[in-house]
PDB file of N, CA and C in Angstrom:
ATOM      1  N   MET A   1     -12.513 -14.182 -31.940  1.00  0.00           N
ATOM      2  CA  MET A   1     -11.962 -13.704 -30.684  1.00  0.00           C
ATOM      3  C   MET A   1     -11.175 -12.421 -30.935  1.00  0.00           C
ATOM      4  N   ASN A   2     -11.221 -11.504 -30.008  1.00  0.00           N
ATOM      5  CA  ASN A   2     -10.576 -10.206 -30.130  1.00  0.00           C
ATOM      6  C   ASN A   2      -9.063 -10.344 -29.968  1.00  0.00           C
ATOM      7  N   ASN A   3      -8.318  -9.937 -30.976  1.00  0.00           N
ATOM      8  CA  ASN A   3      -6.861 -10.051 -30.935  1.00  0.00           C
ATOM      9  C   ASN A   3      -6.174  -8.750 -30.568  1.00  0.00           C
ATOM     10  N   THR A   4      -6.921  -7.772 -30.074  1.00  0.00           N
ATOM     11  CA  THR A   4      -6.315  -6.519 -29.640  1.00  0.00           C
ATOM     12  C   THR A   4      -6.473  -6.383 -28.133  1.00  0.00           C
ATOM     13  N   PRO A   5      -5.532  -5.714 -27.499  1.00  0.00           N
ATOM     14  CA  PRO A   5      -5.652  -5.491 -26.043  1.00  0.00           C
ATOM     15  C   PRO A   5      -6.867  -4.639 -25.715  1.00  0.00           C
ATOM     16  N   LEU A   6      -7.201  -4.578 -24.442  1.00  0.00           N
ATOM     17  CA  LEU A   6      -8.366  -3.813 -24.004  1.00  0.00           C
ATOM     18  C   LEU A   6      -8.219  -2.321 -24.307  1.00  0.00           C
ATOM     19  N   LEU A   7      -7.019  -1.796 -24.161  1.00  0.00           N
ATOM     20  CA  LEU A   7      -6.728  -0.391 -24.461  1.00  0.00           C
ATOM     21  C   LEU A   7      -5.454  -0.326 -25.299  1.00  0.00           C
ATOM     22  N   PRO A   8      -5.297   0.718 -26.094  1.00  0.00           N
ATOM     23  CA  PRO A   8      -4.067   0.830 -26.879  1.00  0.00           C
ATOM     24  C   PRO A   8      -2.846   1.037 -25.979  1.00  0.00           C
ATOM     25  N   ALA A   9      -1.731   0.463 -26.379  1.00  0.00           N
ATOM     26  CA  ALA A   9      -0.499   0.563 -25.581  1.00  0.00           C
ATOM     27  C   ALA A   9      -0.037   2.009 -25.461  1.00  0.00           C
ATOM     28  N   TRP A  10      -0.279   2.834 -26.471  1.00  0.00           N
ATOM     29  CA  TRP A  10       0.162   4.220 -26.403  1.00  0.00           C
ATOM     30  C   TRP A  10      -0.599   5.019 -25.349  1.00  0.00           C
ATOM     31  N   VAL A  11      -1.726   4.510 -24.892  1.00  0.00           N
ATOM     32  CA  VAL A  11      -2.461   5.146 -23.796  1.00  0.00           C
ATOM     33  C   VAL A  11      -1.987   4.586 -22.455  1.00  0.00           C
ATOM     34  N   VAL A  12      -1.847   3.283 -22.396  1.00  0.00           N
ATOM     35  CA  VAL A  12      -1.572   2.603 -21.128  1.00  0.00           C
ATOM     36  C   VAL A  12      -0.138   2.804 -20.657  1.00  0.00           C
ATOM     37  N   LEU A  13       0.828   2.648 -21.530  1.00  0.00           N
ATOM     38  CA  LEU A  13       2.227   2.655 -21.108  1.00  0.00           C
ATOM     39  C   LEU A  13       2.699   3.997 -20.548  1.00  0.00           C
ATOM     40  N   PRO A  14       2.357   5.146 -21.149  1.00  0.00           N
ATOM     41  CA  PRO A  14       2.768   6.408 -20.497  1.00  0.00           C
ATOM     42  C   PRO A  14       2.126   6.615 -19.119  1.00  0.00           C
ATOM     43  N   VAL A  15       0.868   6.227 -18.987  1.00  0.00           N
ATOM     44  CA  VAL A  15       0.199   6.345 -17.686  1.00  0.00           C
ATOM     45  C   VAL A  15       0.889   5.433 -16.674  1.00  0.00           C
ATOM     46  N   ALA A  16       1.229   4.224 -17.096  1.00  0.00           N
ATOM     47  CA  ALA A  16       1.903   3.287 -16.195  1.00  0.00           C
ATOM     48  C   ALA A  16       3.289   3.804 -15.808  1.00  0.00           C
ATOM     49  N   ALA A  17       4.009   4.395 -16.757  1.00  0.00           N
ATOM     50  CA  ALA A  17       5.334   4.946 -16.447  1.00  0.00           C
ATOM     51  C   ALA A  17       5.213   6.083 -15.432  1.00  0.00           C
ATOM     52  N   PHE A  18       4.229   6.946 -15.619  1.00  0.00           N
ATOM     53  CA  PHE A  18       4.004   8.035 -14.674  1.00  0.00           C
ATOM     54  C   PHE A  18       3.649   7.487 -13.297  1.00  0.00           C
ATOM     55  N   MET A  19       2.788   6.481 -13.249  1.00  0.00           N
ATOM     56  CA  MET A  19       2.398   5.889 -11.966  1.00  0.00           C
ATOM     57  C   MET A  19       3.581   5.217 -11.275  1.00  0.00           C
ATOM     58  N   LEU A  20       4.441   4.568 -12.038  1.00  0.00           N
ATOM     59  CA  LEU A  20       5.647   3.969 -11.456  1.00  0.00           C
ATOM     60  C   LEU A  20       6.512   5.043 -10.805  1.00  0.00           C
ATOM     61  N   LEU A  21       6.652   6.167 -11.490  1.00  0.00           N
ATOM     62  CA  LEU A  21       7.437   7.265 -10.956  1.00  0.00           C
ATOM     63  C   LEU A  21       6.814   7.804  -9.670  1.00  0.00           C
ATOM     64  N   VAL A  22       5.522   7.981  -9.673  1.00  0.00           N
ATOM     65  CA  VAL A  22       4.820   8.496  -8.479  1.00  0.00           C
ATOM     66  C   VAL A  22       4.978   7.534  -7.302  1.00  0.00           C
ATOM     67  N   VAL A  23       4.784   6.252  -7.547  1.00  0.00           N
ATOM     68  CA  VAL A  23       4.889   5.267  -6.458  1.00  0.00           C
ATOM     69  C   VAL A  23       6.330   5.195  -5.939  1.00  0.00           C
ATOM     70  N   ALA A  24       7.309   5.226  -6.853  1.00  0.00           N
ATOM     71  CA  ALA A  24       8.709   5.155  -6.434  1.00  0.00           C
ATOM     72  C   ALA A  24       9.108   6.377  -5.602  1.00  0.00           C
ATOM     73  N   VAL A  25       8.697   7.567  -6.019  1.00  0.00           N
ATOM     74  CA  VAL A  25       9.009   8.781  -5.256  1.00  0.00           C
ATOM     75  C   VAL A  25       8.314   8.732  -3.898  1.00  0.00           C
ATOM     76  N   HIS A  26       7.062   8.307  -3.884  1.00  0.00           N
ATOM     77  CA  HIS A  26       6.336   8.185  -2.616  1.00  0.00           C
ATOM     78  C   HIS A  26       7.048   7.207  -1.680  1.00  0.00           C
ATOM     79  N   LEU A  27       7.496   6.083  -2.221  1.00  0.00           N
ATOM     80  CA  LEU A  27       8.181   5.074  -1.418  1.00  0.00           C
ATOM     81  C   LEU A  27       9.488   5.638  -0.856  1.00  0.00           C
ATOM     82  N   LEU A  28      10.254   6.343  -1.675  1.00  0.00           N
ATOM     83  CA  LEU A  28      11.514   6.918  -1.203  1.00  0.00           C
ATOM     84  C   LEU A  28      11.283   7.986  -0.130  1.00  0.00           C
ATOM     85  N   LEU A  29      10.304   8.838  -0.337  1.00  0.00           N
ATOM     86  CA  LEU A  29      10.013   9.872   0.654  1.00  0.00           C
ATOM     87  C   LEU A  29       9.509   9.268   1.957  1.00  0.00           C
ATOM     88  N   MET A  30       8.723   8.223   1.850  1.00  0.00           N
ATOM     89  CA  MET A  30       8.190   7.583   3.045  1.00  0.00           C
ATOM     90  C   MET A  30       9.311   6.908   3.836  1.00  0.00           C
ATOM     91  N   LEU A  31      10.273   6.315   3.152  1.00  0.00           N
ATOM     92  CA  LEU A  31      11.364   5.641   3.855  1.00  0.00           C
ATOM     93  C   LEU A  31      12.219   6.630   4.638  1.00  0.00           C
ATOM     94  N   LYS A  32      12.272   7.880   4.185  1.00  0.00           N
ATOM     95  CA  LYS A  32      13.061   8.897   4.877  1.00  0.00           C
ATOM     96  C   LYS A  32      12.281   9.589   5.981  1.00  0.00           C
ATOM     97  N   SER A  33      10.971   9.395   6.029  1.00  0.00           N
ATOM     98  CA  SER A  33      10.158  10.092   7.019  1.00  0.00           C
ATOM     99  C   SER A  33      10.192   9.359   8.355  1.00  0.00           C
ATOM    100  N   GLU A  34       9.793  10.098   9.388  1.00  0.00           N
ATOM    101  CA  GLU A  34       9.721   9.509  10.721  1.00  0.00           C
ATOM    102  C   GLU A  34       8.307   9.007  10.963  1.00  0.00           C
ATOM    103  N   MET A  35       8.211   7.737  11.242  1.00  0.00           N
ATOM    104  CA  MET A  35       6.934   7.124  11.600  1.00  0.00           C
ATOM    105  C   MET A  35       7.247   5.843  12.360  1.00  0.00           C
ATOM    106  N   PRO A  36       6.276   5.322  13.071  1.00  0.00           N
ATOM    107  CA  PRO A  36       6.525   4.069  13.805  1.00  0.00           C
ATOM    108  C   PRO A  36       6.998   2.957  12.865  1.00  0.00           C
ATOM    109  N   ALA A  37       7.875   2.120  13.361  1.00  0.00           N
ATOM    110  CA  ALA A  37       8.481   1.064  12.540  1.00  0.00           C
ATOM    111  C   ALA A  37       7.429   0.116  11.968  1.00  0.00           C
ATOM    112  N   SER A  38       6.403  -0.206  12.746  1.00  0.00           N
ATOM    113  CA  SER A  38       5.384  -1.130  12.249  1.00  0.00           C
ATOM    114  C   SER A  38       4.641  -0.524  11.063  1.00  0.00           C
ATOM    115  N   ARG A  39       4.326   0.757  11.154  1.00  0.00           N
ATOM    116  CA  ARG A  39       3.639   1.437  10.059  1.00  0.00           C
ATOM    117  C   ARG A  39       4.541   1.517   8.828  1.00  0.00           C
ATOM    118  N   LYS A  40       5.818   1.796   9.051  1.00  0.00           N
ATOM    119  CA  LYS A  40       6.757   1.909   7.933  1.00  0.00           C
ATOM    120  C   LYS A  40       6.909   0.568   7.209  1.00  0.00           C
ATOM    121  N   ARG A  41       6.953  -0.527   7.960  1.00  0.00           N
ATOM    122  CA  ARG A  41       7.081  -1.851   7.335  1.00  0.00           C
ATOM    123  C   ARG A  41       5.871  -2.178   6.462  1.00  0.00           C
ATOM    124  N   ILE A  42       4.679  -1.937   6.995  1.00  0.00           N
ATOM    125  CA  ILE A  42       3.454  -2.239   6.244  1.00  0.00           C
ATOM    126  C   ILE A  42       3.390  -1.393   4.985  1.00  0.00           C
ATOM    127  N   ARG A  43       3.656  -0.105   5.108  1.00  0.00           N
ATOM    128  CA  ARG A  43       3.545   0.794   3.962  1.00  0.00           C
ATOM    129  C   ARG A  43       4.660   0.584   2.951  1.00  0.00           C
ATOM    130  N   THR A  44       5.829   0.162   3.409  1.00  0.00           N
ATOM    131  CA  THR A  44       6.908  -0.156   2.478  1.00  0.00           C
ATOM    132  C   THR A  44       6.541  -1.389   1.650  1.00  0.00           C
ATOM    133  N   LEU A  45       6.035  -2.406   2.307  1.00  0.00           N
ATOM    134  CA  LEU A  45       5.599  -3.601   1.580  1.00  0.00           C
ATOM    135  C   LEU A  45       4.499  -3.252   0.585  1.00  0.00           C
ATOM    136  N   ASN A  46       3.569  -2.417   0.998  1.00  0.00           N
ATOM    137  CA  ASN A  46       2.498  -1.976   0.126  1.00  0.00           C
ATOM    138  C   ASN A  46       3.067  -1.242  -1.097  1.00  0.00           C
ATOM    139  N   GLY A  47       4.054  -0.386  -0.892  1.00  0.00           N
ATOM    140  CA  GLY A  47       4.683   0.333  -1.995  1.00  0.00           C
ATOM    141  C   GLY A  47       5.387  -0.598  -2.971  1.00  0.00           C
ATOM    142  N   TRP A  48       6.083  -1.591  -2.449  1.00  0.00           N
ATOM    143  CA  TRP A  48       6.775  -2.547  -3.330  1.00  0.00           C
ATOM    144  C   TRP A  48       5.779  -3.365  -4.156  1.00  0.00           C
ATOM    145  N   ILE A  49       4.683  -3.749  -3.524  1.00  0.00           N
ATOM    146  CA  ILE A  49       3.664  -4.500  -4.271  1.00  0.00           C
ATOM    147  C   ILE A  49       3.093  -3.620  -5.375  1.00  0.00           C
ATOM    148  N   MET A  50       2.868  -2.342  -5.080  1.00  0.00           N
ATOM    149  CA  MET A  50       2.367  -1.440  -6.122  1.00  0.00           C
ATOM    150  C   MET A  50       3.375  -1.283  -7.254  1.00  0.00           C
ATOM    151  N   LEU A  51       4.674  -1.269  -6.913  1.00  0.00           N
ATOM    152  CA  LEU A  51       5.695  -1.171  -7.960  1.00  0.00           C
ATOM    153  C   LEU A  51       5.650  -2.373  -8.902  1.00  0.00           C
ATOM    154  N   PHE A  52       5.294  -3.526  -8.394  1.00  0.00           N
ATOM    155  CA  PHE A  52       5.152  -4.707  -9.250  1.00  0.00           C
ATOM    156  C   PHE A  52       3.793  -4.732  -9.952  1.00  0.00           C
ATOM    157  N   LEU A  53       2.768  -4.216  -9.271  1.00  0.00           N
ATOM    158  CA  LEU A  53       1.419  -4.257  -9.828  1.00  0.00           C
ATOM    159  C   LEU A  53       1.243  -3.337 -11.030  1.00  0.00           C
ATOM    160  N   VAL A  54       1.867  -2.176 -11.018  1.00  0.00           N
ATOM    161  CA  VAL A  54       1.676  -1.211 -12.104  1.00  0.00           C
ATOM    162  C   VAL A  54       2.083  -1.795 -13.460  1.00  0.00           C
ATOM    163  N   PRO A  55       3.274  -2.366 -13.622  1.00  0.00           N
ATOM    164  CA  PRO A  55       3.607  -2.921 -14.945  1.00  0.00           C
ATOM    165  C   PRO A  55       2.758  -4.137 -15.322  1.00  0.00           C
ATOM    166  N   ILE A  56       2.399  -4.947 -14.334  1.00  0.00           N
ATOM    167  CA  ILE A  56       1.561  -6.108 -14.638  1.00  0.00           C
ATOM    168  C   ILE A  56       0.167  -5.640 -15.052  1.00  0.00           C
ATOM    169  N   GLY A  57      -0.348  -4.629 -14.363  1.00  0.00           N
ATOM    170  CA  GLY A  57      -1.638  -4.058 -14.746  1.00  0.00           C
ATOM    171  C   GLY A  57      -1.584  -3.414 -16.125  1.00  0.00           C
ATOM    172  N   ALA A  58      -0.468  -2.752 -16.428  1.00  0.00           N
ATOM    173  CA  ALA A  58      -0.308  -2.159 -17.760  1.00  0.00           C
ATOM    174  C   ALA A  58      -0.292  -3.238 -18.831  1.00  0.00           C
ATOM    175  N   ALA A  59       0.364  -4.342 -18.533  1.00  0.00           N
ATOM    176  CA  ALA A  59       0.368  -5.459 -19.485  1.00  0.00           C
ATOM    177  C   ALA A  59      -1.035  -6.027 -19.653  1.00  0.00           C
ATOM    178  N   ALA A  60      -1.773  -6.116 -18.555  1.00  0.00           N
ATOM    179  CA  ALA A  60      -3.131  -6.656 -18.623  1.00  0.00           C
ATOM    180  C   ALA A  60      -4.032  -5.778 -19.482  1.00  0.00           C
ATOM    181  N   PHE A  61      -3.871  -4.470 -19.391  1.00  0.00           N
ATOM    182  CA  PHE A  61      -4.724  -3.564 -20.151  1.00  0.00           C
ATOM    183  C   PHE A  61      -4.217  -3.302 -21.566  1.00  0.00           C
ATOM    184  N   GLY A  62      -2.903  -3.160 -21.729  1.00  0.00           N
ATOM    185  CA  GLY A  62      -2.409  -2.653 -23.008  1.00  0.00           C
ATOM    186  C   GLY A  62      -1.554  -3.572 -23.843  1.00  0.00           C
ATOM    187  N   ILE A  63      -1.220  -4.742 -23.355  1.00  0.00           N
ATOM    188  CA  ILE A  63      -0.331  -5.624 -24.130  1.00  0.00           C
ATOM    189  C   ILE A  63      -0.994  -6.962 -24.416  1.00  0.00           C
ATOM    190  N   VAL A  64      -1.483  -7.626 -23.373  1.00  0.00           N
ATOM    191  CA  VAL A  64      -2.087  -8.952 -23.537  1.00  0.00           C
ATOM    192  C   VAL A  64      -3.510  -8.800 -24.074  1.00  0.00           C
ATOM    193  N   SER A  65      -3.829  -9.578 -25.068  1.00  0.00           N
ATOM    194  CA  SER A  65      -5.174  -9.489 -25.656  1.00  0.00           C
ATOM    195  C   SER A  65      -6.016 -10.700 -25.257  1.00  0.00           C
ATOM    196  N   PRO A  66      -7.331 -10.535 -25.289  1.00  0.00           N
ATOM    197  CA  PRO A  66      -8.214 -11.670 -24.998  1.00  0.00           C
ATOM    198  C   PRO A  66      -8.067 -12.794 -26.034  1.00  0.00           C
ATOM    199  N   GLY A  67      -7.408 -12.523 -27.149  1.00  0.00           N
ATOM    200  CA  GLY A  67      -7.162 -13.554 -28.161  1.00  0.00           C
ATOM    201  C   GLY A  67      -6.192 -14.622 -27.678  1.00  0.00           C
ATOM    202  N   GLU A  68      -5.456 -14.328 -26.622  1.00  0.00           N
ATOM    203  CA  GLU A  68      -4.562 -15.308 -25.990  1.00  0.00           C
ATOM    204  C   GLU A  68      -5.157 -15.650 -24.627  1.00  0.00           C
ATOM    205  N   PRO A  69      -6.142 -16.524 -24.593  1.00  0.00           N
ATOM    206  CA  PRO A  69      -6.917 -16.718 -23.357  1.00  0.00           C
ATOM    207  C   PRO A  69      -6.099 -17.176 -22.153  1.00  0.00           C
ATOM    208  N   ARG A  70      -5.147 -18.060 -22.334  1.00  0.00           N
ATOM    209  CA  ARG A  70      -4.376 -18.544 -21.173  1.00  0.00           C
ATOM    210  C   ARG A  70      -3.561 -17.424 -20.549  1.00  0.00           C
ATOM    211  N   LEU A  71      -2.855 -16.687 -21.393  1.00  0.00           N
ATOM    212  CA  LEU A  71      -2.037 -15.584 -20.899  1.00  0.00           C
ATOM    213  C   LEU A  71      -2.911 -14.470 -20.321  1.00  0.00           C
ATOM    214  N   PHE A  72      -4.021 -14.199 -20.973  1.00  0.00           N
ATOM    215  CA  PHE A  72      -4.956 -13.163 -20.515  1.00  0.00           C
ATOM    216  C   PHE A  72      -5.473 -13.494 -19.113  1.00  0.00           C
ATOM    217  N   VAL A  73      -5.903 -14.719 -18.912  1.00  0.00           N
ATOM    218  CA  VAL A  73      -6.425 -15.141 -17.595  1.00  0.00           C
ATOM    219  C   VAL A  73      -5.313 -15.145 -16.557  1.00  0.00           C
ATOM    220  N   LEU A  74      -4.128 -15.580 -16.922  1.00  0.00           N
ATOM    221  CA  LEU A  74      -3.005 -15.603 -15.991  1.00  0.00           C
ATOM    222  C   LEU A  74      -2.659 -14.190 -15.518  1.00  0.00           C
ATOM    223  N   VAL A  75      -2.523 -13.271 -16.462  1.00  0.00           N
ATOM    224  CA  VAL A  75      -2.148 -11.904 -16.097  1.00  0.00           C
ATOM    225  C   VAL A  75      -3.232 -11.261 -15.241  1.00  0.00           C
ATOM    226  N   TRP A  76      -4.494 -11.421 -15.619  1.00  0.00           N
ATOM    227  CA  TRP A  76      -5.569 -10.835 -14.832  1.00  0.00           C
ATOM    228  C   TRP A  76      -5.700 -11.508 -13.468  1.00  0.00           C
ATOM    229  N   SER A  77      -5.406 -12.784 -13.371  1.00  0.00           N
ATOM    230  CA  SER A  77      -5.423 -13.462 -12.066  1.00  0.00           C
ATOM    231  C   SER A  77      -4.345 -12.892 -11.150  1.00  0.00           C
ATOM    232  N   ILE A  78      -3.180 -12.611 -11.697  1.00  0.00           N
ATOM    233  CA  ILE A  78      -2.098 -12.004 -10.909  1.00  0.00           C
ATOM    234  C   ILE A  78      -2.508 -10.604 -10.451  1.00  0.00           C
ATOM    235  N   VAL A  79      -3.103  -9.826 -11.352  1.00  0.00           N
ATOM    236  CA  VAL A  79      -3.549  -8.475 -10.993  1.00  0.00           C
ATOM    237  C   VAL A  79      -4.565  -8.539  -9.856  1.00  0.00           C
ATOM    238  N   ILE A  80      -5.546  -9.411  -9.975  1.00  0.00           N
ATOM    239  CA  ILE A  80      -6.586  -9.520  -8.945  1.00  0.00           C
ATOM    240  C   ILE A  80      -5.993  -9.992  -7.619  1.00  0.00           C
ATOM    241  N   ALA A  81      -5.082 -10.964  -7.664  1.00  0.00           N
ATOM    242  CA  ALA A  81      -4.445 -11.450  -6.436  1.00  0.00           C
ATOM    243  C   ALA A  81      -3.655 -10.335  -5.756  1.00  0.00           C
ATOM    244  N   MET A  82      -2.945  -9.546  -6.550  1.00  0.00           N
ATOM    245  CA  MET A  82      -2.166  -8.454  -5.974  1.00  0.00           C
ATOM    246  C   MET A  82      -3.073  -7.363  -5.397  1.00  0.00           C
ATOM    247  N   LEU A  83      -4.195  -7.124  -6.033  1.00  0.00           N
ATOM    248  CA  LEU A  83      -5.147  -6.149  -5.494  1.00  0.00           C
ATOM    249  C   LEU A  83      -5.714  -6.620  -4.156  1.00  0.00           C
ATOM    250  N   PHE A  84      -6.029  -7.907  -4.057  1.00  0.00           N
ATOM    251  CA  PHE A  84      -6.501  -8.440  -2.778  1.00  0.00           C
ATOM    252  C   PHE A  84      -5.413  -8.316  -1.713  1.00  0.00           C
ATOM    253  N   LEU A  85      -4.168  -8.550  -2.104  1.00  0.00           N
ATOM    254  CA  LEU A  85      -3.057  -8.406  -1.180  1.00  0.00           C
ATOM    255  C   LEU A  85      -2.942  -6.955  -0.700  1.00  0.00           C
ATOM    256  N   LEU A  86      -3.094  -6.001  -1.623  1.00  0.00           N
ATOM    257  CA  LEU A  86      -3.051  -4.586  -1.248  1.00  0.00           C
ATOM    258  C   LEU A  86      -4.190  -4.225  -0.301  1.00  0.00           C
ATOM    259  N   ILE A  87      -5.369  -4.749  -0.553  1.00  0.00           N
ATOM    260  CA  ILE A  87      -6.511  -4.480   0.325  1.00  0.00           C
ATOM    261  C   ILE A  87      -6.254  -5.080   1.708  1.00  0.00           C
ATOM    262  N   GLY A  88      -5.704  -6.286   1.746  1.00  0.00           N
ATOM    263  CA  GLY A  88      -5.362  -6.903   3.026  1.00  0.00           C
ATOM    264  C   GLY A  88      -4.342  -6.083   3.801  1.00  0.00           C
ATOM    265  N   LEU A  89      -3.342  -5.560   3.098  1.00  0.00           N
ATOM    266  CA  LEU A  89      -2.352  -4.716   3.766  1.00  0.00           C
ATOM    267  C   LEU A  89      -2.969  -3.400   4.239  1.00  0.00           C
ATOM    268  N   ALA A  90      -3.918  -2.869   3.486  1.00  0.00           N
ATOM    269  CA  ALA A  90      -4.607  -1.643   3.909  1.00  0.00           C
ATOM    270  C   ALA A  90      -5.398  -1.900   5.186  1.00  0.00           C
ATOM    271  N   VAL A  91      -6.048  -3.040   5.277  1.00  0.00           N
ATOM    272  CA  VAL A  91      -6.787  -3.388   6.500  1.00  0.00           C
ATOM    273  C   VAL A  91      -5.806  -3.563   7.659  1.00  0.00           C
ATOM    274  N   LEU A  92      -4.681  -4.230   7.399  1.00  0.00           N
ATOM    275  CA  LEU A  92      -3.663  -4.401   8.428  1.00  0.00           C
ATOM    276  C   LEU A  92      -3.123  -3.048   8.885  1.00  0.00           C
ATOM    277  N   ASP A  93      -2.917  -2.134   7.963  1.00  0.00           N
ATOM    278  CA  ASP A  93      -2.457  -0.790   8.304  1.00  0.00           C
ATOM    279  C   ASP A  93      -3.492  -0.069   9.153  1.00  0.00           C
ATOM    280  N   MET A  94      -4.764  -0.246   8.823  1.00  0.00           N
ATOM    281  CA  MET A  94      -5.832   0.381   9.594  1.00  0.00           C
ATOM    282  C   MET A  94      -5.854  -0.171  11.026  1.00  0.00           C
ATOM    283  N   VAL A  95      -5.730  -1.485  11.176  1.00  0.00           N
ATOM    284  CA  VAL A  95      -5.715  -2.099  12.503  1.00  0.00           C
ATOM    285  C   VAL A  95      -4.491  -1.629  13.284  1.00  0.00           C
ATOM    286  N   ASN A  96      -3.361  -1.559  12.618  1.00  0.00           N
ATOM    287  CA  ASN A  96      -2.131  -1.109  13.264  1.00  0.00           C
ATOM    288  C   ASN A  96      -2.249   0.356  13.698  1.00  0.00           C
ATOM    289  N   THR A  97      -2.838   1.187  12.862  1.00  0.00           N
ATOM    290  CA  THR A  97      -3.024   2.594  13.216  1.00  0.00           C
ATOM    291  C   THR A  97      -3.935   2.718  14.432  1.00  0.00           C
ATOM    292  N   THR A  98      -4.974   1.911  14.493  1.00  0.00           N
ATOM    293  CA  THR A  98      -5.858   1.911  15.657  1.00  0.00           C
ATOM    294  C   THR A  98      -5.095   1.489  16.909  1.00  0.00           C
ATOM    295  N   ARG A  99      -4.249   0.490  16.780  1.00  0.00           N
ATOM    296  CA  ARG A  99      -3.434   0.026  17.914  1.00  0.00           C
ATOM    297  C   ARG A  99      -2.482   1.131  18.385  1.00  0.00           C
ATOM    298  N   LEU A 100      -1.831   1.796  17.435  1.00  0.00           N
ATOM    299  CA  LEU A 100      -0.916   2.878  17.793  1.00  0.00           C
ATOM    300  C   LEU A 100      -1.658   4.040  18.455  1.00  0.00           C
ATOM    301  N   TYR A 101      -2.846   4.346  17.958  1.00  0.00           N
ATOM    302  CA  TYR A 101      -3.664   5.413  18.535  1.00  0.00           C
ATOM    303  C   TYR A 101      -4.044   5.077  19.978  1.00  0.00           C
ATOM    304  N   GLN A 102      -4.484   3.853  20.213  1.00  0.00           N
ATOM    305  CA  GLN A 102      -4.885   3.465  21.565  1.00  0.00           C
ATOM    306  C   GLN A 102      -3.705   3.506  22.522  1.00  0.00           C
ATOM    307  N   ARG A 103      -2.535   3.109  22.049  1.00  0.00           N
ATOM    308  CA  ARG A 103      -1.343   3.152  22.893  1.00  0.00           C
ATOM    309  C   ARG A 103      -0.986   4.588  23.254  1.00  0.00           C
ATOM    310  N   GLU A 104      -1.038   5.484  22.272  1.00  0.00           N
ATOM    311  CA  GLU A 104      -0.745   6.895  22.543  1.00  0.00           C
ATOM    312  C   GLU A 104      -1.790   7.510  23.471  1.00  0.00           C
ATOM    313  N   ARG A 105      -3.047   7.159  23.287  1.00  0.00           N
ATOM    314  CA  ARG A 105      -4.118   7.674  24.139  1.00  0.00           C
ATOM    315  C   ARG A 105      -3.907   7.205  25.582  1.00  0.00           C
ATOM    316  N   ASP A 106      -3.530   5.938  25.752  1.00  0.00           N
ATOM    317  CA  ASP A 106      -3.271   5.419  27.095  1.00  0.00           C
ATOM    318  C   ASP A 106      -2.066   6.123  27.733  1.00  0.00           C
ATOM    319  N   ASN A 107      -1.025   6.359  26.950  1.00  0.00           N
ATOM    320  CA  ASN A 107       0.147   7.069  27.469  1.00  0.00           C
ATOM    321  C   ASN A 107      -0.214   8.488  27.884  1.00  0.00           C
ATOM    322  N   LEU A 108      -1.049   9.147  27.101  1.00  0.00           N
ATOM    323  CA  LEU A 108      -1.486  10.500  27.427  1.00  0.00           C
ATOM    324  C   LEU A 108      -2.331  10.496  28.697  1.00  0.00           C
ATOM    325  N   GLY A 109      -3.203   9.498  28.828  1.00  0.00           N
ATOM    326  CA  GLY A 109      -4.033   9.383  30.036  1.00  0.00           C
ATOM    327  C   GLY A 109      -3.182   9.178  31.271  1.00  0.00           C
ATOM    328  N   ASP A 110      -2.137   8.347  31.160  1.00  0.00           N
ATOM    329  CA  ASP A 110      -1.234   8.128  32.290  1.00  0.00           C
ATOM    330  C   ASP A 110      -0.506   9.415  32.653  1.00  0.00           C
ATOM    331  N   LEU A 111      -0.108  10.173  31.654  1.00  0.00           N
ATOM    332  CA  LEU A 111       0.592  11.432  31.895  1.00  0.00           C
ATOM    333  C   LEU A 111      -0.325  12.441  32.583  1.00  0.00           C
ATOM    334  N   ARG A 112      -1.557  12.562  32.135  1.00  0.00           N
ATOM    335  CA  ARG A 112      -2.515  13.477  32.753  1.00  0.00           C
ATOM    336  C   ARG A 112      -2.811  13.060  34.196  1.00  0.00           C
ATOM    337  N   LYS A 113      -2.945  11.754  34.371  1.00  0.00           N
ATOM    338  CA  LYS A 113      -3.249  11.236  35.712  1.00  0.00           C
ATOM    339  C   LYS A 113      -2.095  11.528  36.672  1.00  0.00           C
ATOM    340  N   SER A 114      -0.868  11.361  36.226  1.00  0.00           N
ATOM    341  CA  SER A 114       0.279  11.608  37.098  1.00  0.00           C
ATOM    342  C   SER A 114       0.436  13.089  37.416  1.00  0.00           C
ATOM    343  N   ARG A 115       0.005  13.979  36.524  1.00  0.00           N
ATOM    344  CA  ARG A 115       0.098  15.412  36.785  1.00  0.00           C
ATOM    345  C   ARG A 115      -0.994  15.884  37.740  1.00  0.00           C
ATOM    346  N   ARG A 116      -2.131  15.215  37.748  1.00  0.00           N
ATOM    347  CA  ARG A 116      -3.243  15.600  38.626  1.00  0.00           C
ATOM    348  C   ARG A 116      -3.015  15.195  40.066  1.00  0.00           C
ATOM    349  N   GLU A 117      -2.398  14.060  40.276  1.00  0.00           N
ATOM    350  CA  GLU A 117      -2.191  13.547  41.625  1.00  0.00           C
ATOM    351  C   GLU A 117      -1.007  14.257  42.269  1.00  0.00           C
ATOM    352  N   PRO A 118      -1.237  14.847  43.424  1.00  0.00           N
ATOM    353  CA  PRO A 118      -0.088  15.481  44.126  1.00  0.00           C
ATOM    354  C   PRO A 118       0.839  14.391  44.630  1.00  0.00           C
ATOM    355  N   GLU A 119       2.097  14.760  44.703  1.00  0.00           N
ATOM    356  CA  GLU A 119       3.060  13.776  45.198  1.00  0.00           C
ATOM    357  C   GLU A 119       2.837  13.558  46.689  1.00  0.00           C
ATOM    358  N   LYS A 120       2.829  12.312  47.090  1.00  0.00           N
ATOM    359  CA  LYS A 120       2.626  11.974  48.504  1.00  0.00           C
ATOM    360  C   LYS A 120       3.986  11.949  49.200  1.00  0.00           C
ATOM    361  N   PRO A 121       4.040  12.589  50.345  1.00  0.00           N
ATOM    362  CA  PRO A 121       5.317  12.535  51.080  1.00  0.00           C
ATOM    363  C   PRO A 121       5.542  11.147  51.653  1.00  0.00           C
ATOM    364  N   ASP A 122       6.800  10.790  51.760  1.00  0.00           N
ATOM    365  CA  ASP A 122       7.143   9.483  52.335  1.00  0.00           C
ATOM    366  C   ASP A 122       6.818   9.485  53.816  1.00  0.00           C
ATOM    367  N   GLN A 123       6.270   8.382  54.282  1.00  0.00           N
ATOM    368  CA  GLN A 123       5.889   8.297  55.695  1.00  0.00           C
ATOM    369  C   GLN A 123       6.849   7.446  56.449  1.00  0.00           C
TER     370      GLN A 123
END
C-alpha cells in the first residue's frame, strides 16, 4: 500500500495557504459590499464553507496517505460532502438570483406602466 500522500506537501500547502488568503479577502470584501440580504447570506455561507474546505482538501491531497485507509476515506468523504454542499448553495444562489431578477423586472414593469397611463381626474 502507498504510504505517501497523493501530492507532496511542499506543493499543496503553499497553494492552500494562497487559496485561504484569496477566499478570506473575497469574503471580507463581499461583506462590505451592497447586495440583497438573501444573496449576501448565501454567499457568506458559501465563503465560510470554502474556508473550511481548503485546509481539509489540502490534507486530503498532501498529508493523508492511502496507506491509512480509514483516515484517507474519512477525509475524502468530508471533502466530497463539502463539495456537494457548495454545489447545492450555488444552485440556491442561482434560484435566488432568478427570483431577485423577476422581482426587479416586475417593479420596472409597474413603473413603466404607471408612467404611460395619464392621471385620471377625480370625478
